[in-house]
């Protein structure tokens, strides 16, 4: 029997209730627990996130000159454009400019509290042709 029962990525923020709504909507998740200082959610795929109140939280700066993310979230999606529209509609913002032509395999964003995350395109399952 495992000693550890569950693992969470925990994001510190000034308003955990509001940030939980952003991720709950983005991941089509359910809220699993809430206290005065912490909210937990679980996505339909099992992704577990928690948001902890820190009244002195400041958004991380990214990109940083030394290119250190420290920690961030990655999400896999099937349609980057659709996911970007949803993120912006929920109050997130893009972090990377889309200057170059062609398809983008991943895109960077920040949530309403300033935490960075990346959307990655689902790798195709069919073998390459030609």
Protein backbone atom coordinates (compact mmCIF):
# COMPACT_ATOMS: atom_id res chain seq x y z
CA UNK A 1 0.00 0.00 0.00
CA UNK A 2 1.38 3.37 -0.99
CA UNK A 3 2.18 5.85 1.72
CA UNK A 4 1.53 8.85 -0.55
CA UNK A 5 -2.11 8.98 -1.66
CA UNK A 6 -2.16 11.94 -4.06
CA UNK A 7 0.06 14.59 -5.57
CA UNK A 8 -0.82 18.13 -6.56
CA UNK A 9 0.83 21.01 -8.30
CA UNK A 10 0.11 23.97 -6.01
CA UNK A 11 0.11 27.55 -7.27
CA UNK A 12 0.40 30.40 -4.79
CA UNK A 13 -1.83 33.37 -5.55
CA UNK A 14 -3.68 36.20 -3.85
CA UNK A 15 -7.17 34.89 -4.77
CA UNK A 16 -7.27 31.09 -4.98
CA UNK A 17 -11.03 31.00 -5.57
CA UNK A 18 -10.73 33.10 -8.74
CA UNK A 19 -7.70 31.23 -10.07
CA UNK A 20 -9.43 27.90 -9.42
CA UNK A 21 -12.34 29.04 -11.62
CA UNK A 22 -9.93 29.80 -14.49
CA UNK A 23 -8.35 26.34 -14.38
CA UNK A 24 -11.63 24.58 -13.60
CA UNK A 25 -13.13 26.05 -16.77
CA UNK A 26 -10.00 25.45 -18.86
CA UNK A 27 -9.66 21.81 -17.79
CA UNK A 28 -13.40 21.12 -17.47
CA UNK A 29 -12.55 20.09 -13.93
CA UNK A 30 -14.45 19.70 -10.71
CA UNK A 31 -13.65 21.32 -7.41
CA UNK A 32 -12.72 18.62 -4.94
CA UNK A 33 -11.96 20.62 -1.80
CA UNK A 34 -11.97 24.21 -0.57
CA UNK A 35 -10.84 25.85 2.64
CA UNK A 36 -10.29 29.48 3.51
CA UNK A 37 -6.78 29.36 2.06
CA UNK A 38 -6.75 26.56 -0.50
CA UNK A 39 -8.88 25.26 -3.38
CA UNK A 40 -8.28 21.92 -5.12
CA UNK A 41 -9.56 20.75 -8.49
CA UNK A 42 -9.37 17.56 -10.54
CA UNK A 43 -9.66 17.51 -14.32
CA UNK A 44 -11.53 14.82 -16.23
CA UNK A 45 -8.17 13.26 -17.14
CA UNK A 46 -7.07 13.15 -13.50
CA UNK A 47 -4.93 16.31 -13.51
CA UNK A 48 -4.89 17.67 -9.95
CA UNK A 49 -4.16 21.30 -9.13
CA UNK A 50 -4.42 23.30 -5.96
CA UNK A 51 -4.34 27.05 -5.37
CA UNK A 52 -3.00 28.38 -2.08
CA UNK A 53 -3.67 31.86 -0.72
CA UNK A 54 -0.58 34.07 -0.39
CA UNK A 55 -1.68 37.66 0.13
CA UNK A 56 1.82 38.85 -0.84
CA UNK A 57 1.99 36.80 -4.05
CA UNK A 58 3.49 38.58 -7.04
CA UNK A 59 3.30 37.24 -10.58
CA UNK A 60 6.47 35.51 -11.72
CA UNK A 61 8.39 37.32 -14.45
CA UNK A 62 8.66 35.35 -17.65
CA UNK A 63 10.48 35.18 -19.86
CA UNK A 64 13.34 35.91 -17.53
CA UNK A 65 16.67 37.08 -18.98
CA UNK A 66 18.37 33.87 -17.86
CA UNK A 67 15.50 31.88 -19.46
CA UNK A 68 14.66 30.08 -16.22
CA UNK A 69 11.03 29.04 -15.82
CA UNK A 70 11.58 27.57 -12.36
CA UNK A 71 8.26 25.74 -12.63
CA UNK A 72 5.33 25.91 -15.00
CA UNK A 73 2.48 23.77 -16.27
CA UNK A 74 2.22 21.97 -19.62
CA UNK A 75 -1.12 21.01 -21.13
CA UNK A 76 -1.61 18.88 -24.24
CA UNK A 77 -4.33 19.99 -26.68
CA UNK A 78 -5.64 18.94 -30.07
CA UNK A 79 -6.32 22.47 -31.40
CA UNK A 80 -3.98 25.29 -30.35
CA UNK A 81 -6.12 28.06 -31.83
CA UNK A 82 -9.29 26.90 -30.10
CA UNK A 83 -7.45 26.48 -26.79
CA UNK A 84 -5.92 29.96 -27.11
CA UNK A 85 -9.35 31.53 -27.69
CA UNK A 86 -10.67 29.78 -24.60
CA UNK A 87 -7.71 30.85 -22.45
CA UNK A 88 -8.01 34.49 -23.49
CA UNK A 89 -11.78 34.33 -22.93
CA UNK A 90 -11.16 33.08 -19.39
CA UNK A 91 -8.73 35.92 -18.61
CA UNK A 92 -5.37 34.36 -19.51
CA UNK A 93 -2.92 35.98 -21.89
CA UNK A 94 -0.40 34.83 -24.52
CA UNK A 95 3.27 35.15 -23.57
CA UNK A 96 4.87 34.49 -26.94
CA UNK A 97 4.39 36.41 -30.16
CA UNK A 98 3.44 34.41 -33.22
CA UNK A 99 5.72 36.08 -35.77
CA UNK A 100 6.96 33.17 -37.86
CA UNK A 101 4.86 31.52 -40.53
CA UNK A 102 3.78 27.91 -40.24
CA UNK A 103 2.25 25.69 -37.58
CA UNK A 104 3.14 26.17 -33.95
CA UNK A 105 3.77 23.08 -31.92
CA UNK A 106 3.50 24.89 -28.58
CA UNK A 107 2.48 28.28 -27.21
CA UNK A 108 3.13 30.02 -23.91
CA UNK A 109 0.48 31.71 -21.75
CA UNK A 110 -0.03 33.10 -18.30
CA UNK A 111 -3.06 32.61 -16.10
CA UNK A 112 -4.85 35.61 -14.56
CA UNK A 113 -2.44 35.54 -11.58
CA UNK A 114 0.65 35.53 -13.84
CA UNK A 115 1.75 31.86 -13.63
CA UNK A 116 3.15 30.62 -16.92
CA UNK A 117 1.97 27.50 -18.72
CA UNK A 118 2.48 25.94 -22.12
CA UNK A 119 0.05 24.35 -24.53
CA UNK A 120 1.55 21.56 -26.63
CA UNK A 121 -0.05 20.07 -29.70
CA UNK A 122 -0.98 16.39 -29.38
CA UNK A 123 1.55 14.33 -31.28
CA UNK A 124 -0.06 12.66 -34.30
CA UNK A 125 -0.60 8.92 -33.86
CA UNK A 126 -0.44 8.03 -37.56
CA UNK A 127 2.97 7.41 -39.16
CA UNK A 128 4.40 10.20 -41.34
CA UNK A 129 3.64 9.82 -45.03
CA UNK A 130 6.21 10.48 -47.75
